[in-house]
């Protein structure tokens, strides 16, 4: 029996979501604007994957109430699709704010002041 056969898929997905969340939080705590934007984006991806996984993956199930015994819930997919569109718009807005802050303050540090060298 190999080690991969004893690890469940749920554990692998949960570990992956945890790593993406940890990387997003780490990047959000950086002092420059670009890593903060990347951290926010990664955190948004982690939340989207989490919501999608909570809806389960049904094979051969009807998406709406129908003739079958098992029905899949279409709500998580709709929520994730909406969150992706909103996430793209928010990321574009935050990038524009970071560029404006860089142009006005002359630095890309999040508080507008360069740390003492």
C-alpha atoms as a PDB file:
ATOM      1  CA  UNK A   1       0.000   0.000   0.000  1.00  0.00           C
ATOM      2  CA  UNK A   2       1.506   3.306  -1.062  1.00  0.00           C
ATOM      3  CA  UNK A   3       1.384   6.498   0.936  1.00  0.00           C
ATOM      4  CA  UNK A   4      -0.824   8.217  -1.650  1.00  0.00           C
ATOM      5  CA  UNK A   5      -3.545   5.613  -1.377  1.00  0.00           C
ATOM      6  CA  UNK A   6      -3.874   6.244   2.370  1.00  0.00           C
ATOM      7  CA  UNK A   7      -4.270  10.032   1.934  1.00  0.00           C
ATOM      8  CA  UNK A   8      -7.811  11.056   1.152  1.00  0.00           C
ATOM      9  CA  UNK A   9      -8.730  13.508  -1.559  1.00  0.00           C
ATOM     10  CA  UNK A  10     -10.487  15.663   1.020  1.00  0.00           C
ATOM     11  CA  UNK A  11      -7.248  15.985   2.974  1.00  0.00           C
ATOM     12  CA  UNK A  12      -5.342  16.979  -0.165  1.00  0.00           C
ATOM     13  CA  UNK A  13      -7.920  19.605  -1.144  1.00  0.00           C
ATOM     14  CA  UNK A  14      -8.058  20.988   2.410  1.00  0.00           C
ATOM     15  CA  UNK A  15      -4.249  21.141   2.526  1.00  0.00           C
ATOM     16  CA  UNK A  16      -4.156  22.922  -0.834  1.00  0.00           C
ATOM     17  CA  UNK A  17      -6.724  25.482   0.302  1.00  0.00           C
ATOM     18  CA  UNK A  18      -4.737  25.972   3.507  1.00  0.00           C
ATOM     19  CA  UNK A  19      -1.496  26.581   1.603  1.00  0.00           C
ATOM     20  CA  UNK A  20      -3.102  29.068  -0.772  1.00  0.00           C
ATOM     21  CA  UNK A  21      -4.660  30.884   2.208  1.00  0.00           C
ATOM     22  CA  UNK A  22      -1.338  30.942   4.082  1.00  0.00           C
ATOM     23  CA  UNK A  23       0.500  32.303   1.028  1.00  0.00           C
ATOM     24  CA  UNK A  24      -2.190  34.958   0.566  1.00  0.00           C
ATOM     25  CA  UNK A  25      -1.961  36.097   4.186  1.00  0.00           C
ATOM     26  CA  UNK A  26       1.847  36.141   4.019  1.00  0.00           C
ATOM     27  CA  UNK A  27       1.776  38.310   0.904  1.00  0.00           C
ATOM     28  CA  UNK A  28      -0.831  40.652   2.400  1.00  0.00           C
ATOM     29  CA  UNK A  29       1.508  41.319   5.335  1.00  0.00           C
ATOM     30  CA  UNK A  30       4.316  42.513   3.056  1.00  0.00           C
ATOM     31  CA  UNK A  31       5.244  46.188   2.906  1.00  0.00           C
ATOM     32  CA  UNK A  32       4.862  46.780  -0.828  1.00  0.00           C
ATOM     33  CA  UNK A  33       1.648  47.269  -2.759  1.00  0.00           C
ATOM     34  CA  UNK A  34       2.126  44.605  -5.456  1.00  0.00           C
ATOM     35  CA  UNK A  35       2.537  41.689  -2.999  1.00  0.00           C
ATOM     36  CA  UNK A  36      -0.503  42.965  -1.095  1.00  0.00           C
ATOM     37  CA  UNK A  37      -2.571  42.872  -4.304  1.00  0.00           C
ATOM     38  CA  UNK A  38      -1.306  39.359  -5.060  1.00  0.00           C
ATOM     39  CA  UNK A  39      -2.131  38.286  -1.503  1.00  0.00           C
ATOM     40  CA  UNK A  40      -5.683  39.603  -1.805  1.00  0.00           C
ATOM     41  CA  UNK A  41      -6.066  37.765  -5.102  1.00  0.00           C
ATOM     42  CA  UNK A  42      -4.761  34.487  -3.649  1.00  0.00           C
ATOM     43  CA  UNK A  43      -7.059  34.827  -0.663  1.00  0.00           C
ATOM     44  CA  UNK A  44      -9.988  35.353  -3.030  1.00  0.00           C
ATOM     45  CA  UNK A  45      -9.016  32.215  -4.967  1.00  0.00           C
ATOM     46  CA  UNK A  46      -8.830  30.217  -1.736  1.00  0.00           C
ATOM     47  CA  UNK A  47     -12.316  31.342  -0.727  1.00  0.00           C
ATOM     48  CA  UNK A  48     -13.679  30.496  -4.191  1.00  0.00           C
ATOM     49  CA  UNK A  49     -12.206  26.992  -4.071  1.00  0.00           C
ATOM     50  CA  UNK A  50     -13.543  26.537  -0.534  1.00  0.00           C
ATOM     51  CA  UNK A  51     -17.076  27.522  -1.572  1.00  0.00           C
ATOM     52  CA  UNK A  52     -16.881  25.289  -4.652  1.00  0.00           C
ATOM     53  CA  UNK A  53     -15.678  22.289  -2.650  1.00  0.00           C
ATOM     54  CA  UNK A  54     -18.420  22.743  -0.061  1.00  0.00           C
ATOM     55  CA  UNK A  55     -20.989  22.118  -2.819  1.00  0.00           C
ATOM     56  CA  UNK A  56     -19.589  18.611  -3.474  1.00  0.00           C
ATOM     57  CA  UNK A  57     -18.951  17.079  -6.860  1.00  0.00           C
ATOM     58  CA  UNK A  58     -21.928  15.050  -7.981  1.00  0.00           C
ATOM     59  CA  UNK A  59     -21.623  12.596 -10.832  1.00  0.00           C
ATOM     60  CA  UNK A  60     -24.705  11.957 -12.921  1.00  0.00           C
ATOM     61  CA  UNK A  61     -27.008  14.044 -10.714  1.00  0.00           C
ATOM     62  CA  UNK A  62     -29.639  16.431 -11.985  1.00  0.00           C
ATOM     63  CA  UNK A  63     -28.732  20.100 -11.359  1.00  0.00           C
ATOM     64  CA  UNK A  64     -32.371  21.039 -10.771  1.00  0.00           C
ATOM     65  CA  UNK A  65     -35.159  18.992  -9.266  1.00  0.00           C
ATOM     66  CA  UNK A  66     -36.010  16.388 -11.840  1.00  0.00           C
ATOM     67  CA  UNK A  67     -36.665  12.712 -12.318  1.00  0.00           C
ATOM     68  CA  UNK A  68     -33.471  11.476 -10.632  1.00  0.00           C
ATOM     69  CA  UNK A  69     -33.195  10.466  -7.008  1.00  0.00           C
ATOM     70  CA  UNK A  70     -30.107  12.605  -6.350  1.00  0.00           C
ATOM     71  CA  UNK A  71     -30.038  16.302  -7.130  1.00  0.00           C
ATOM     72  CA  UNK A  72     -26.901  18.436  -7.242  1.00  0.00           C
ATOM     73  CA  UNK A  73     -26.960  21.887  -5.667  1.00  0.00           C
ATOM     74  CA  UNK A  74     -26.214  24.558  -8.329  1.00  0.00           C
ATOM     75  CA  UNK A  75     -25.856  27.367  -5.761  1.00  0.00           C
ATOM     76  CA  UNK A  76     -22.100  26.940  -5.001  1.00  0.00           C
ATOM     77  CA  UNK A  77     -21.229  27.090  -8.707  1.00  0.00           C
ATOM     78  CA  UNK A  78     -23.324  30.226  -9.155  1.00  0.00           C
ATOM     79  CA  UNK A  79     -21.734  31.848  -6.102  1.00  0.00           C
ATOM     80  CA  UNK A  80     -18.205  31.060  -7.305  1.00  0.00           C
ATOM     81  CA  UNK A  81     -18.925  32.347 -10.807  1.00  0.00           C
ATOM     82  CA  UNK A  82     -20.245  35.608  -9.380  1.00  0.00           C
ATOM     83  CA  UNK A  83     -17.293  35.850  -6.975  1.00  0.00           C
ATOM     84  CA  UNK A  84     -14.807  35.402  -9.840  1.00  0.00           C
ATOM     85  CA  UNK A  85     -16.333  38.309 -11.765  1.00  0.00           C
ATOM     86  CA  UNK A  86     -16.421  40.534  -8.679  1.00  0.00           C
ATOM     87  CA  UNK A  87     -12.849  39.477  -7.809  1.00  0.00           C
ATOM     88  CA  UNK A  88     -11.544  40.553 -11.222  1.00  0.00           C
ATOM     89  CA  UNK A  89     -13.221  43.939 -10.897  1.00  0.00           C
ATOM     90  CA  UNK A  90     -11.936  44.433  -7.358  1.00  0.00           C
ATOM     91  CA  UNK A  91      -8.402  43.413  -8.341  1.00  0.00           C
ATOM     92  CA  UNK A  92      -8.419  45.920 -11.186  1.00  0.00           C
ATOM     93  CA  UNK A  93      -9.632  48.648  -8.838  1.00  0.00           C
ATOM     94  CA  UNK A  94      -6.983  47.855  -6.195  1.00  0.00           C
ATOM     95  CA  UNK A  95      -4.238  47.845  -8.851  1.00  0.00           C
ATOM     96  CA  UNK A  96      -5.418  51.258 -10.014  1.00  0.00           C
ATOM     97  CA  UNK A  97      -5.346  52.530  -6.424  1.00  0.00           C
ATOM     98  CA  UNK A  98      -1.805  51.176  -5.982  1.00  0.00           C
ATOM     99  CA  UNK A  99      -0.655  52.857  -9.200  1.00  0.00           C
ATOM    100  CA  UNK A 100      -2.241  56.145  -8.133  1.00  0.00           C
ATOM    101  CA  UNK A 101      -0.597  55.920  -4.720  1.00  0.00           C
ATOM    102  CA  UNK A 102       2.771  55.213  -6.381  1.00  0.00           C
ATOM    103  CA  UNK A 103       2.360  58.225  -8.670  1.00  0.00           C
ATOM    104  CA  UNK A 104       1.425  60.610  -5.850  1.00  0.00           C
ATOM    105  CA  UNK A 105       3.812  59.458  -3.116  1.00  0.00           C
ATOM    106  CA  UNK A 106       6.756  58.313  -5.241  1.00  0.00           C
ATOM    107  CA  UNK A 107       6.981  54.954  -3.463  1.00  0.00           C
ATOM    108  CA  UNK A 108       5.099  51.674  -3.608  1.00  0.00           C
ATOM    109  CA  UNK A 109       5.255  51.100   0.144  1.00  0.00           C
ATOM    110  CA  UNK A 110       1.794  50.595   1.592  1.00  0.00           C
ATOM    111  CA  UNK A 111       2.026  53.410   4.128  1.00  0.00           C
ATOM    112  CA  UNK A 112       3.549  55.859   1.627  1.00  0.00           C
ATOM    113  CA  UNK A 113       6.927  56.142   3.384  1.00  0.00           C
ATOM    114  CA  UNK A 114      10.089  54.212   2.622  1.00  0.00           C
ATOM    115  CA  UNK A 115      11.538  52.401   5.615  1.00  0.00           C
ATOM    116  CA  UNK A 116      14.855  53.772   6.866  1.00  0.00           C
ATOM    117  CA  UNK A 117      17.760  52.036   5.180  1.00  0.00           C
END
